[in-house]
N, C-alpha and C. Protein backbone atom coordinates (compact mmCIF):
# COMPACT_ATOMS: atom_id res chain seq x y z
N MET A 1 -3.56 59.41 28.56
CA MET A 1 -4.44 60.01 27.92
C MET A 1 -3.76 60.00 26.47
N GLN A 2 -4.97 59.14 25.55
CA GLN A 2 -4.30 58.84 24.25
C GLN A 2 -3.82 59.79 23.26
N HIS A 3 -2.84 60.10 22.49
CA HIS A 3 -2.44 60.97 21.73
C HIS A 3 -2.98 61.16 20.26
N HIS A 4 -3.96 62.40 19.96
CA HIS A 4 -4.63 62.55 18.94
C HIS A 4 -3.70 62.46 17.46
N LEU A 5 -4.20 61.74 16.65
CA LEU A 5 -3.63 61.65 15.48
C LEU A 5 -3.85 61.91 14.29
N GLU A 6 -3.44 63.20 13.84
CA GLU A 6 -4.20 63.95 12.60
C GLU A 6 -4.58 63.06 11.46
N HIS A 7 -3.68 62.11 11.14
CA HIS A 7 -4.18 61.37 10.09
C HIS A 7 -5.16 60.06 10.26
N GLN A 8 -5.40 60.10 11.22
CA GLN A 8 -6.81 59.59 11.64
C GLN A 8 -8.03 60.20 11.81
N SER A 9 -7.91 61.16 11.80
CA SER A 9 -9.23 62.38 12.04
C SER A 9 -10.44 62.16 11.03
N PRO A 10 -11.34 62.19 11.33
CA PRO A 10 -12.70 61.79 10.66
C PRO A 10 -12.50 62.66 8.98
N GLN A 11 -11.74 63.58 8.98
CA GLN A 11 -11.75 64.41 7.75
C GLN A 11 -11.16 63.41 6.68
N PHE A 12 -10.33 62.20 7.06
CA PHE A 12 -9.95 61.48 6.08
C PHE A 12 -10.51 59.83 6.00
N ALA A 13 -11.58 59.88 6.47
CA ALA A 13 -12.51 58.67 6.65
C ALA A 13 -13.05 58.75 5.40
N VAL A 14 -13.51 57.29 4.69
CA VAL A 14 -14.18 57.22 3.33
C VAL A 14 -15.20 58.03 3.10
N ASN A 15 -15.59 58.82 2.13
CA ASN A 15 -16.60 59.59 1.90
C ASN A 15 -16.65 60.72 2.52
N SER A 16 -15.32 61.44 2.95
CA SER A 16 -14.96 62.75 3.28
C SER A 16 -15.02 63.49 2.03
N GLN A 17 -15.52 64.75 2.05
CA GLN A 17 -14.91 65.42 0.85
C GLN A 17 -14.28 66.89 1.24
N PHE A 18 -13.57 67.47 0.30
CA PHE A 18 -12.73 68.55 0.33
C PHE A 18 -13.20 69.36 -0.85
N GLU A 19 -13.65 70.80 -0.59
CA GLU A 19 -13.72 71.79 -2.01
C GLU A 19 -12.98 71.83 -2.97
N SER A 20 -11.51 71.65 -2.73
CA SER A 20 -10.59 71.68 -4.38
C SER A 20 -9.58 70.37 -3.70
N PHE A 21 -8.71 70.54 -5.06
CA PHE A 21 -7.47 69.71 -4.72
C PHE A 21 -6.72 70.28 -3.73
N LEU A 22 -6.43 71.67 -3.89
CA LEU A 22 -5.71 72.24 -3.01
C LEU A 22 -5.80 72.09 -1.36
N ALA A 23 -7.07 72.18 -1.46
CA ALA A 23 -7.52 72.03 0.35
C ALA A 23 -7.19 70.38 0.79
N LEU A 24 -7.50 69.44 -0.17
CA LEU A 24 -7.04 68.05 0.09
C LEU A 24 -5.34 67.84 0.28
N LYS A 25 -4.92 68.44 -0.73
CA LYS A 25 -3.47 68.23 -0.47
C LYS A 25 -2.72 68.90 0.66
N HIS A 26 -3.41 70.22 0.88
CA HIS A 26 -2.86 70.71 2.16
C HIS A 26 -3.31 70.30 3.41
N ALA A 27 -4.43 69.55 3.67
CA ALA A 27 -4.61 68.74 4.82
C ALA A 27 -3.94 67.45 5.10
N CYS A 28 -3.59 66.77 3.88
CA CYS A 28 -2.72 65.58 3.80
C CYS A 28 -1.51 66.13 4.44
N THR A 29 -1.03 67.17 3.50
CA THR A 29 0.38 67.58 3.97
C THR A 29 0.61 68.08 5.51
N ARG A 30 -0.26 68.84 6.02
CA ARG A 30 -0.23 69.05 7.52
C ARG A 30 -0.44 67.95 8.34
N ALA A 31 -1.49 67.27 7.94
CA ALA A 31 -1.33 65.70 8.78
C ALA A 31 0.08 65.05 8.74
N ALA A 32 0.72 64.88 7.70
CA ALA A 32 2.20 64.20 7.52
C ALA A 32 2.72 65.13 8.13
N LEU A 33 2.90 66.51 8.36
CA LEU A 33 3.96 66.96 9.24
C LEU A 33 3.73 66.72 10.98
N LEU A 34 2.19 67.09 11.04
CA LEU A 34 1.81 66.82 12.78
C LEU A 34 2.52 65.33 13.14
N ASP A 35 2.00 64.47 12.32
CA ASP A 35 2.23 62.98 12.77
C ASP A 35 3.53 62.51 12.35
N VAL A 36 4.60 63.20 11.77
CA VAL A 36 5.77 62.85 11.45
C VAL A 36 6.18 61.60 10.49
N TYR A 37 5.50 61.91 9.66
CA TYR A 37 5.43 60.62 8.54
C TYR A 37 5.78 61.43 6.85
N GLU A 38 6.22 60.77 5.97
CA GLU A 38 6.23 61.35 4.87
C GLU A 38 5.51 60.20 4.00
N PHE A 39 4.90 60.96 2.64
CA PHE A 39 4.28 60.00 1.86
C PHE A 39 4.87 60.52 0.34
N VAL A 40 4.54 59.55 -0.58
CA VAL A 40 4.71 59.35 -1.98
C VAL A 40 3.31 59.34 -2.71
N PRO A 41 3.09 60.80 -3.34
CA PRO A 41 2.04 60.77 -4.24
C PRO A 41 2.00 60.54 -5.61
N ASP A 42 0.62 60.19 -6.02
CA ASP A 42 0.39 59.68 -7.67
C ASP A 42 -0.77 60.10 -7.75
N LYS A 43 -0.62 61.31 -8.74
CA LYS A 43 -1.90 62.24 -9.19
C LYS A 43 -2.05 62.41 -10.75
N ASP A 44 -3.25 62.31 -11.18
CA ASP A 44 -3.17 62.71 -12.36
C ASP A 44 -4.65 63.48 -12.43
N LEU A 45 -5.48 63.54 -13.34
CA LEU A 45 -6.52 64.50 -13.61
C LEU A 45 -7.60 64.55 -12.64
N ASP A 46 -8.07 63.37 -12.36
CA ASP A 46 -9.11 63.00 -11.27
C ASP A 46 -9.11 62.06 -10.29
N ARG A 47 -7.61 61.62 -9.98
CA ARG A 47 -7.51 60.74 -8.77
C ARG A 47 -6.27 61.41 -8.02
N TYR A 48 -6.21 61.06 -6.78
CA TYR A 48 -4.70 61.55 -5.98
C TYR A 48 -4.59 60.00 -4.73
N ILE A 49 -3.39 59.44 -5.32
CA ILE A 49 -2.89 58.38 -4.52
C ILE A 49 -1.90 58.66 -3.78
N LEU A 50 -1.94 58.19 -2.22
CA LEU A 50 -0.78 58.43 -1.49
C LEU A 50 -0.61 57.10 -0.64
N LYS A 51 0.54 56.88 -0.72
CA LYS A 51 1.40 55.75 0.14
C LYS A 51 2.27 56.35 0.84
N CYS A 52 2.65 55.52 2.20
CA CYS A 52 3.62 55.98 3.11
C CYS A 52 5.10 55.71 2.42
N LYS A 53 6.34 56.63 2.62
CA LYS A 53 7.47 56.67 2.07
C LYS A 53 8.06 55.18 2.49
N ASP A 54 7.79 54.80 3.64
CA ASP A 54 8.15 53.39 4.13
C ASP A 54 7.25 52.31 3.10
N LYS A 55 7.95 51.45 2.31
CA LYS A 55 7.05 50.77 1.86
C LYS A 55 6.48 49.52 2.17
N GLU A 56 6.95 49.21 3.38
CA GLU A 56 6.46 48.31 4.30
C GLU A 56 5.03 48.80 5.01
N CYS A 57 5.03 49.82 4.92
CA CYS A 57 3.89 50.75 5.82
C CYS A 57 2.42 50.51 5.11
N VAL A 58 1.33 50.11 5.96
CA VAL A 58 0.19 49.70 5.32
C VAL A 58 -0.62 50.93 4.79
N TRP A 59 -0.33 52.48 5.60
CA TRP A 59 -0.91 53.58 5.37
C TRP A 59 -1.35 53.56 3.92
N TYR A 60 -2.41 54.44 3.71
CA TYR A 60 -2.85 54.29 2.04
C TYR A 60 -4.21 55.27 1.96
N LEU A 61 -4.07 56.12 1.30
CA LEU A 61 -5.15 57.15 0.97
C LEU A 61 -5.70 57.09 -0.67
N TYR A 62 -6.76 56.99 -0.96
CA TYR A 62 -7.01 57.16 -2.35
C TYR A 62 -8.24 57.89 -2.47
N ALA A 63 -8.27 59.00 -3.36
CA ALA A 63 -9.35 60.08 -3.38
C ALA A 63 -9.41 60.47 -4.75
N SER A 64 -10.72 60.98 -5.31
CA SER A 64 -11.10 61.37 -6.96
C SER A 64 -11.93 62.40 -6.62
N THR A 65 -11.99 63.06 -8.20
CA THR A 65 -12.85 64.15 -8.07
C THR A 65 -14.33 63.64 -8.60
N PHE A 66 -15.34 64.70 -8.17
CA PHE A 66 -16.53 64.47 -9.12
C PHE A 66 -16.14 65.42 -10.22
N PRO A 67 -16.56 64.44 -11.38
CA PRO A 67 -16.50 65.02 -12.99
C PRO A 67 -17.26 66.35 -12.91
N GLY A 68 -16.14 67.21 -13.45
CA GLY A 68 -17.13 68.53 -13.66
C GLY A 68 -17.35 69.67 -12.68
N THR A 69 -16.40 69.00 -11.58
CA THR A 69 -16.44 69.89 -10.38
C THR A 69 -15.20 69.85 -9.66
N ASP A 70 -14.72 71.07 -8.68
CA ASP A 70 -13.67 70.67 -8.04
C ASP A 70 -13.65 70.13 -6.69
N VAL A 71 -14.66 69.54 -6.22
CA VAL A 71 -14.88 68.68 -5.14
C VAL A 71 -13.97 67.39 -5.41
N TRP A 72 -13.40 67.02 -4.19
CA TRP A 72 -12.69 65.62 -4.19
C TRP A 72 -13.10 65.06 -2.81
N ARG A 73 -13.32 63.91 -3.18
CA ARG A 73 -13.79 62.46 -1.99
C ARG A 73 -13.04 61.52 -1.81
N ILE A 74 -12.80 61.14 -0.29
CA ILE A 74 -11.76 59.98 -0.04
C ILE A 74 -12.52 59.00 -0.28
N ARG A 75 -12.10 58.04 -1.15
CA ARG A 75 -12.60 56.65 -1.76
C ARG A 75 -12.39 55.39 -1.00
N LYS A 76 -11.08 55.22 -0.48
CA LYS A 76 -10.39 54.37 0.29
C LYS A 76 -9.34 55.17 0.97
N SER A 77 -9.52 54.63 2.32
CA SER A 77 -8.19 54.83 3.08
C SER A 77 -8.04 53.98 4.44
N THR A 78 -6.62 53.48 4.38
CA THR A 78 -6.19 52.86 5.88
C THR A 78 -5.63 53.85 6.62
N GLN A 79 -6.21 54.26 7.49
CA GLN A 79 -5.75 55.23 8.50
C GLN A 79 -5.10 54.79 9.72
N ALA A 80 -4.08 54.35 9.32
CA ALA A 80 -2.88 53.44 10.36
C ALA A 80 -1.56 53.33 9.75
N HIS A 81 -0.51 53.91 10.45
CA HIS A 81 0.57 53.56 10.21
C HIS A 81 1.29 52.23 10.63
N SER A 82 2.04 51.53 9.97
CA SER A 82 2.73 50.65 10.73
C SER A 82 4.08 50.91 10.72
N CYS A 83 4.78 51.90 10.46
CA CYS A 83 5.94 52.44 10.36
C CYS A 83 6.29 53.20 11.53
N HIS A 84 7.64 53.64 11.64
CA HIS A 84 7.64 54.33 12.89
C HIS A 84 8.29 55.78 12.75
N GLY A 85 7.56 56.37 11.29
CA GLY A 85 7.89 57.85 11.03
C GLY A 85 9.38 58.08 10.39
N ILE A 86 9.53 59.53 10.60
CA ILE A 86 10.60 59.58 9.91
C ILE A 86 11.53 60.26 10.97
N GLN A 87 12.81 60.03 10.84
CA GLN A 87 13.85 60.61 11.91
C GLN A 87 14.68 61.90 11.62
N HIS A 88 14.38 62.45 10.73
CA HIS A 88 15.10 63.67 10.10
C HIS A 88 14.27 64.78 10.40
N SER A 89 15.34 66.12 9.94
CA SER A 89 14.37 67.37 10.49
C SER A 89 13.75 68.05 9.19
N GLY A 90 13.99 67.56 8.13
CA GLY A 90 13.50 67.90 7.07
C GLY A 90 11.87 67.35 6.80
N HIS A 91 11.17 67.63 5.46
CA HIS A 91 10.21 66.78 5.26
C HIS A 91 10.04 67.01 3.70
N ARG A 92 10.03 66.12 3.03
CA ARG A 92 9.84 65.77 1.39
C ARG A 92 8.17 66.57 0.86
N ASN A 93 7.66 66.54 1.92
CA ASN A 93 6.08 67.03 1.35
C ASN A 93 5.76 68.23 1.57
N VAL A 94 6.80 69.23 2.13
CA VAL A 94 6.69 70.50 2.61
C VAL A 94 6.77 71.36 1.17
N ASP A 95 6.04 71.51 0.24
CA ASP A 95 6.59 72.39 -0.82
C ASP A 95 6.15 74.02 -0.77
N GLU A 96 6.77 74.92 -1.68
CA GLU A 96 6.19 76.25 -1.55
C GLU A 96 4.63 76.40 -1.66
N GLU A 97 3.98 75.82 -2.23
CA GLU A 97 2.76 75.83 -2.32
C GLU A 97 2.12 75.63 -0.62
N PHE A 98 2.54 74.63 -0.09
CA PHE A 98 2.25 74.42 1.21
C PHE A 98 2.39 75.65 1.97
N ILE A 99 3.71 76.08 2.04
CA ILE A 99 4.37 77.22 2.97
C ILE A 99 3.70 78.18 2.56
N SER A 100 3.21 78.52 1.65
CA SER A 100 2.50 79.70 0.86
C SER A 100 1.15 79.90 1.55
N THR A 101 0.47 78.85 1.25
CA THR A 101 -0.92 78.95 2.03
C THR A 101 -1.12 78.93 3.44
N GLU A 102 0.06 78.50 4.14
CA GLU A 102 0.42 78.61 5.67
C GLU A 102 0.87 79.94 6.24
N ILE A 103 1.56 80.74 5.25
CA ILE A 103 2.16 82.36 5.83
C ILE A 103 1.01 83.07 5.09
N LEU A 104 0.08 82.75 4.17
CA LEU A 104 -0.52 83.90 3.69
C LEU A 104 -1.01 85.12 4.64
N PRO A 105 -1.84 84.37 5.74
CA PRO A 105 -2.57 85.37 6.78
C PRO A 105 -1.68 86.10 7.43
N LYS A 106 -0.34 85.70 7.63
CA LYS A 106 0.54 86.44 8.26
C LYS A 106 1.16 87.48 7.53
N LEU A 107 1.48 87.14 5.99
CA LEU A 107 2.27 88.44 5.15
C LEU A 107 1.15 89.53 4.99
N ARG A 108 -0.31 88.70 5.08
CA ARG A 108 -1.41 89.69 4.78
C ARG A 108 -1.31 91.25 6.09
N SER A 109 -1.26 90.62 7.20
CA SER A 109 -1.21 91.67 8.35
C SER A 109 0.28 92.11 8.59
N ASP A 110 1.24 91.47 7.95
CA ASP A 110 2.83 91.91 8.41
C ASP A 110 3.76 91.76 6.94
N PRO A 111 3.57 92.58 5.81
CA PRO A 111 4.49 92.31 5.03
C PRO A 111 5.82 92.25 5.00
N LYS A 112 5.97 92.05 6.22
CA LYS A 112 7.82 92.34 6.47
C LYS A 112 8.08 90.84 7.24
N PHE A 113 7.36 90.10 6.80
CA PHE A 113 7.15 88.85 7.77
C PHE A 113 8.54 88.03 6.61
N THR A 114 9.80 87.94 7.23
CA THR A 114 10.77 87.37 6.16
C THR A 114 10.86 86.06 6.33
N PRO A 115 11.87 85.57 5.35
CA PRO A 115 12.12 84.30 5.33
C PRO A 115 12.52 83.53 6.42
N LYS A 116 13.39 84.12 7.06
CA LYS A 116 13.82 83.76 8.49
C LYS A 116 12.75 83.41 9.58
N ALA A 117 12.11 84.53 9.68
CA ALA A 117 10.77 84.39 10.21
C ALA A 117 10.03 83.16 9.87
N ILE A 118 9.77 82.86 8.77
CA ILE A 118 9.10 81.72 7.83
C ILE A 118 9.67 80.27 8.51
N GLN A 119 10.99 80.29 8.15
CA GLN A 119 11.90 78.99 8.95
C GLN A 119 11.60 79.11 10.64
N ASN A 120 11.62 79.96 11.01
CA ASN A 120 11.43 79.93 12.67
C ASN A 120 9.84 79.43 12.95
N HIS A 121 8.93 79.81 12.04
CA HIS A 121 7.31 79.18 12.39
C HIS A 121 7.55 78.03 12.24
N PHE A 122 7.92 77.64 11.06
CA PHE A 122 7.83 75.90 10.54
C PHE A 122 8.45 75.33 11.77
N LYS A 123 9.58 75.64 12.53
CA LYS A 123 10.09 74.96 13.47
C LYS A 123 9.53 74.84 14.46
N GLU A 124 8.93 76.17 14.89
CA GLU A 124 8.09 76.28 16.29
C GLU A 124 7.10 75.43 16.09
N GLN A 125 6.36 75.58 14.83
CA GLN A 125 4.95 74.94 14.45
C GLN A 125 4.89 73.33 14.47
N TYR A 126 5.62 73.00 13.76
CA TYR A 126 5.78 71.65 13.05
C TYR A 126 6.85 70.92 13.50
N GLY A 127 8.31 71.61 14.41
CA GLY A 127 9.31 70.84 14.57
C GLY A 127 10.23 70.53 12.90
N VAL A 128 10.12 71.34 12.13
CA VAL A 128 10.83 70.71 10.73
C VAL A 128 11.50 72.04 10.37
N ALA A 129 12.69 71.63 9.60
CA ALA A 129 13.35 72.86 9.05
C ALA A 129 13.16 72.55 7.61
N ILE A 130 13.14 74.43 6.86
CA ILE A 130 13.05 74.54 5.98
C ILE A 130 13.84 75.39 5.49
N THR A 131 14.71 75.22 4.00
CA THR A 131 15.87 76.14 3.69
C THR A 131 15.28 77.36 3.49
N TYR A 132 16.36 78.45 3.68
CA TYR A 132 16.28 79.64 3.51
C TYR A 132 15.71 79.81 1.68
N SER A 133 16.16 79.38 1.28
CA SER A 133 15.74 79.72 -0.34
C SER A 133 14.44 79.37 -0.59
N LYS A 134 14.19 77.96 -0.11
CA LYS A 134 12.54 77.63 -0.33
C LYS A 134 11.78 78.58 0.47
N ALA A 135 12.06 79.18 2.00
CA ALA A 135 11.29 80.16 2.49
C ALA A 135 11.11 81.46 1.57
N TRP A 136 12.18 82.00 1.14
CA TRP A 136 12.04 83.05 0.24
C TRP A 136 11.16 82.83 -0.93
N ARG A 137 11.31 81.64 -1.71
CA ARG A 137 10.27 81.71 -2.88
C ARG A 137 8.80 81.59 -2.20
N ALA A 138 8.74 81.12 -1.21
CA ALA A 138 7.33 80.93 -0.94
C ALA A 138 6.90 82.13 -0.51
N GLN A 139 7.70 83.16 -0.01
CA GLN A 139 7.65 84.54 0.49
C GLN A 139 7.22 85.46 -0.83
N GLU A 140 8.08 85.21 -2.00
CA GLU A 140 7.69 85.80 -3.07
C GLU A 140 6.53 85.64 -3.90
N HIS A 141 6.39 84.32 -3.76
CA HIS A 141 5.08 83.82 -4.41
C HIS A 141 4.01 84.22 -3.65
N THR A 142 3.81 84.04 -2.18
CA THR A 142 2.55 84.77 -1.48
C THR A 142 2.19 86.07 -1.75
N LEU A 143 3.39 86.95 -1.73
CA LEU A 143 3.41 88.46 -1.91
C LEU A 143 2.73 88.89 -3.39
N LYS A 144 2.90 87.93 -4.43
CA LYS A 144 2.43 87.99 -5.63
C LYS A 144 0.66 87.51 -5.83
N VAL A 145 0.56 86.81 -5.03
CA VAL A 145 -0.66 86.25 -4.73
C VAL A 145 -1.49 87.56 -4.24
N ILE A 146 -1.12 88.27 -3.09
CA ILE A 146 -1.42 89.30 -2.32
C ILE A 146 -1.49 90.34 -3.32
N ASN A 147 -0.32 90.79 -3.93
CA ASN A 147 -0.67 92.03 -4.65
C ASN A 147 -1.41 91.83 -6.06
N GLY A 148 -1.50 90.56 -6.50
CA GLY A 148 -2.21 90.36 -7.76
C GLY A 148 -4.00 90.50 -7.31
N SER A 149 -4.30 90.19 -5.97
CA SER A 149 -5.57 90.44 -5.55
C SER A 149 -5.68 91.84 -5.46
N HIS A 150 -4.78 92.66 -5.24
CA HIS A 150 -4.94 94.12 -4.70
C HIS A 150 -5.21 94.67 -6.30
N GLU A 151 -4.52 94.38 -7.35
CA GLU A 151 -4.60 94.70 -8.67
C GLU A 151 -5.89 94.64 -9.14
N GLU A 152 -6.55 92.87 -9.14
CA GLU A 152 -7.79 92.73 -9.61
C GLU A 152 -9.00 93.73 -8.81
N THR A 153 -8.38 93.90 -7.67
CA THR A 153 -9.73 94.70 -6.78
C THR A 153 -9.88 96.18 -7.37
N TYR A 154 -8.43 96.63 -7.62
CA TYR A 154 -8.70 98.01 -8.20
C TYR A 154 -9.11 98.03 -9.04
N ASN A 155 -9.03 97.02 -10.03
CA ASN A 155 -9.51 96.98 -11.51
C ASN A 155 -10.97 97.05 -11.83
N SER A 156 -11.29 95.92 -10.66
CA SER A 156 -12.77 96.13 -10.36
C SER A 156 -13.45 97.59 -10.12
N LEU A 157 -12.97 97.97 -9.14
CA LEU A 157 -13.37 99.69 -9.17
C LEU A 157 -13.41 100.57 -10.28
N SER A 158 -12.23 100.76 -10.88
CA SER A 158 -12.28 101.16 -12.05
C SER A 158 -13.69 101.05 -13.10
N LYS A 159 -13.71 99.69 -12.98
CA LYS A 159 -14.71 99.07 -14.11
C LYS A 159 -16.21 99.69 -13.24
N TYR A 160 -16.23 99.65 -11.97
CA TYR A 160 -17.41 100.11 -11.41
C TYR A 160 -17.48 101.87 -11.61
N CYS A 161 -16.47 102.53 -11.57
CA CYS A 161 -16.58 103.83 -11.64
C CYS A 161 -17.20 104.31 -13.32
N GLN A 162 -16.53 103.20 -14.20
CA GLN A 162 -17.19 103.63 -15.23
C GLN A 162 -18.31 103.15 -15.32
N GLU A 163 -18.98 102.22 -14.87
CA GLU A 163 -20.39 102.00 -15.12
C GLU A 163 -21.36 102.63 -14.37
N ILE A 164 -20.80 103.50 -13.42
CA ILE A 164 -21.65 104.66 -12.60
C ILE A 164 -21.77 105.75 -13.73
N GLN A 165 -20.65 105.94 -14.50
CA GLN A 165 -20.83 107.40 -15.23
C GLN A 165 -21.72 106.77 -16.63
N ARG A 166 -21.44 105.51 -17.09
CA ARG A 166 -22.48 105.05 -18.01
C ARG A 166 -23.68 105.04 -17.95
N SER A 167 -24.05 104.47 -16.85
CA SER A 167 -25.74 104.46 -16.42
C SER A 167 -26.11 105.60 -15.51
N ASN A 168 -25.38 106.75 -15.26
CA ASN A 168 -25.88 108.00 -14.55
C ASN A 168 -25.08 109.27 -15.34
N PRO A 169 -25.52 109.48 -16.49
CA PRO A 169 -24.61 110.37 -17.21
C PRO A 169 -24.71 111.69 -16.31
N GLY A 170 -23.73 112.16 -15.90
CA GLY A 170 -23.38 113.62 -15.44
C GLY A 170 -22.99 113.42 -13.99
N SER A 171 -23.08 112.26 -13.65
CA SER A 171 -22.17 111.67 -12.30
C SER A 171 -20.81 111.74 -12.32
N THR A 172 -20.22 111.89 -11.00
CA THR A 172 -18.80 111.96 -10.91
C THR A 172 -18.44 110.84 -9.90
N VAL A 173 -17.18 110.25 -10.02
CA VAL A 173 -16.64 109.15 -8.81
C VAL A 173 -15.37 109.48 -9.07
N GLN A 174 -14.99 109.35 -7.40
CA GLN A 174 -13.68 109.66 -7.07
C GLN A 174 -12.86 108.85 -6.15
N LEU A 175 -12.02 108.28 -6.54
CA LEU A 175 -11.42 107.46 -5.37
C LEU A 175 -10.29 108.24 -4.64
N ASP A 176 -10.52 108.33 -3.23
CA ASP A 176 -10.09 109.08 -2.15
C ASP A 176 -8.77 108.48 -1.86
N ILE A 177 -7.37 109.11 -2.05
CA ILE A 177 -6.04 108.16 -1.46
C ILE A 177 -5.31 109.22 -0.37
N ASP A 178 -5.05 108.56 0.64
CA ASP A 178 -4.37 109.35 1.74
C ASP A 178 -2.88 109.64 1.47
N PRO A 179 -2.68 110.97 1.14
CA PRO A 179 -1.39 111.16 0.89
C PRO A 179 -0.27 110.74 1.55
N THR A 180 -0.42 110.35 2.64
CA THR A 180 0.61 110.08 3.58
C THR A 180 0.95 108.56 3.47
N THR A 181 -0.06 107.94 3.46
CA THR A 181 0.38 106.52 3.50
C THR A 181 0.14 105.81 2.25
N ASN A 182 -0.42 106.67 1.00
CA ASN A 182 -0.58 106.35 -0.31
C ASN A 182 -1.43 105.04 -0.42
N ARG A 183 -2.43 104.99 0.22
CA ARG A 183 -3.39 103.98 0.42
C ARG A 183 -4.72 104.65 0.23
N PHE A 184 -5.78 103.58 -0.41
CA PHE A 184 -7.19 104.08 -0.65
C PHE A 184 -7.84 104.19 0.47
N LYS A 185 -8.63 105.12 0.86
CA LYS A 185 -9.75 105.71 1.63
C LYS A 185 -10.97 105.47 1.58
N ARG A 186 -11.27 105.92 0.61
CA ARG A 186 -12.95 106.00 0.47
C ARG A 186 -13.39 106.49 -1.14
N LEU A 187 -14.37 105.68 -1.35
CA LEU A 187 -14.89 106.06 -2.80
C LEU A 187 -16.08 107.09 -2.75
N PHE A 188 -15.91 108.03 -3.26
CA PHE A 188 -17.27 109.17 -3.79
C PHE A 188 -17.87 108.99 -4.42
N SER A 189 -19.01 109.06 -4.93
CA SER A 189 -20.10 108.80 -5.81
C SER A 189 -21.23 110.24 -6.06
N SER A 190 -20.85 110.85 -6.63
CA SER A 190 -21.99 111.94 -6.86
C SER A 190 -22.83 111.68 -7.95
N TYR A 191 -24.24 111.40 -7.75
CA TYR A 191 -24.95 110.95 -8.93
C TYR A 191 -25.84 112.54 -9.08
N LEU A 192 -25.54 113.34 -10.01
CA LEU A 192 -26.37 114.43 -10.17
C LEU A 192 -26.21 115.27 -8.90
N ARG A 193 -27.51 115.62 -8.37
CA ARG A 193 -27.57 116.38 -6.99
C ARG A 193 -27.43 115.63 -5.73
N GLU A 194 -27.26 114.36 -5.91
CA GLU A 194 -27.36 113.58 -4.63
C GLU A 194 -25.83 113.22 -4.54
N LEU A 195 -25.16 113.24 -3.10
CA LEU A 195 -23.95 112.93 -2.96
C LEU A 195 -23.93 111.89 -2.00
N TYR A 196 -23.35 110.56 -2.62
CA TYR A 196 -23.07 109.44 -1.64
C TYR A 196 -21.74 109.28 -1.27
N ARG A 197 -21.58 108.82 -0.36
CA ARG A 197 -19.96 108.84 0.26
C ARG A 197 -20.11 107.27 0.84
N MET A 198 -19.52 106.38 0.35
CA MET A 198 -19.31 104.84 0.76
C MET A 198 -17.77 104.57 1.10
N PRO A 199 -17.50 104.55 2.40
CA PRO A 199 -16.26 103.73 2.69
C PRO A 199 -15.95 102.45 2.05
N VAL A 200 -14.67 102.10 1.66
CA VAL A 200 -14.46 100.77 1.19
C VAL A 200 -13.42 100.05 2.12
N ASP A 201 -14.28 99.65 3.20
CA ASP A 201 -13.15 99.20 4.58
C ASP A 201 -12.54 98.26 3.98
N LEU A 202 -12.80 97.20 3.00
CA LEU A 202 -12.30 95.94 2.48
C LEU A 202 -10.73 96.52 1.89
N LEU A 203 -10.56 98.09 1.26
CA LEU A 203 -9.49 98.18 0.47
C LEU A 203 -8.34 98.85 1.45
N HIS A 204 -8.61 99.03 2.77
CA HIS A 204 -7.77 100.01 3.41
C HIS A 204 -6.36 99.66 3.78
N TRP A 205 -6.09 98.17 3.07
CA TRP A 205 -4.52 97.63 2.99
C TRP A 205 -4.22 97.92 1.66
N LEU A 206 -4.97 98.33 0.68
CA LEU A 206 -4.61 98.21 -0.97
C LEU A 206 -3.68 99.39 -1.32
N PRO A 207 -2.38 99.00 -1.48
CA PRO A 207 -1.58 99.79 -1.84
C PRO A 207 -1.98 100.57 -3.38
N ALA A 208 -1.60 101.93 -3.93
CA ALA A 208 -1.75 102.42 -4.96
C ALA A 208 -0.80 102.40 -5.60
N LYS A 209 -0.88 101.99 -6.82
CA LYS A 209 0.24 101.98 -7.80
C LYS A 209 0.55 103.42 -8.02
N GLY A 210 2.16 103.73 -8.77
CA GLY A 210 2.48 104.79 -9.12
C GLY A 210 1.69 105.23 -10.14
N THR A 211 1.13 104.54 -11.15
CA THR A 211 0.43 105.07 -12.10
C THR A 211 -0.97 105.00 -12.17
N VAL A 212 -1.41 104.99 -10.90
CA VAL A 212 -2.65 105.08 -10.21
C VAL A 212 -3.22 106.46 -10.07
N GLU A 213 -4.32 106.76 -10.67
CA GLU A 213 -4.57 108.24 -10.26
C GLU A 213 -5.63 108.41 -9.20
N GLY A 214 -6.12 109.19 -8.66
CA GLY A 214 -6.64 109.50 -7.41
C GLY A 214 -8.09 109.21 -7.77
N SER A 215 -8.67 109.53 -9.00
CA SER A 215 -9.89 109.59 -9.08
C SER A 215 -10.30 109.19 -10.66
N CYS A 216 -11.39 108.70 -11.01
CA CYS A 216 -11.61 108.15 -12.36
C CYS A 216 -12.89 108.85 -12.59
N LEU A 217 -12.41 109.94 -13.29
CA LEU A 217 -13.37 110.96 -14.15
C LEU A 217 -13.78 111.12 -15.38
């Protein structure tokens, strides 16, 4: 049975598209990890060129962006390697951005997912060794992304409270916080004589900051 090679998948064929540069870069790095090769990137504002680290190898990928959009398209692609891949345990293309994207779902569900666990994950998933310091930096970056999204969401709730009071004079809005876990539970909105109770299920994981009050009155 022939082994599937990720770098030969249809997503890297000419005219294939990616919704963002981050998506394109992540797919290229993941393919390099799975197929055990490294590449040398060359990028400017509207083009992305990859060549194999082995200068004698024929593998090649060229992508460019649609002007005024975030979409990237594969323009040229030689989807075959004439080299023998890499023979060491590390990988030059695995940066903190790639690690962060990979571990984001795990850190969302388990904030205690440690740098050592990140190292083990990459060893088990890709057979690649990453340093503890790189795993730690990626963890810190990912937590900032998660916590930043929390703060942005809470800020939106605060503006929502203000808008209800502005457009419905006399109304009261209260954010209910669980005193045990210090997490948001529900958003209560009272429009004059009518009481609306709206659970905010998407925010069950949102930690309340020490300076955040339980209500917007």
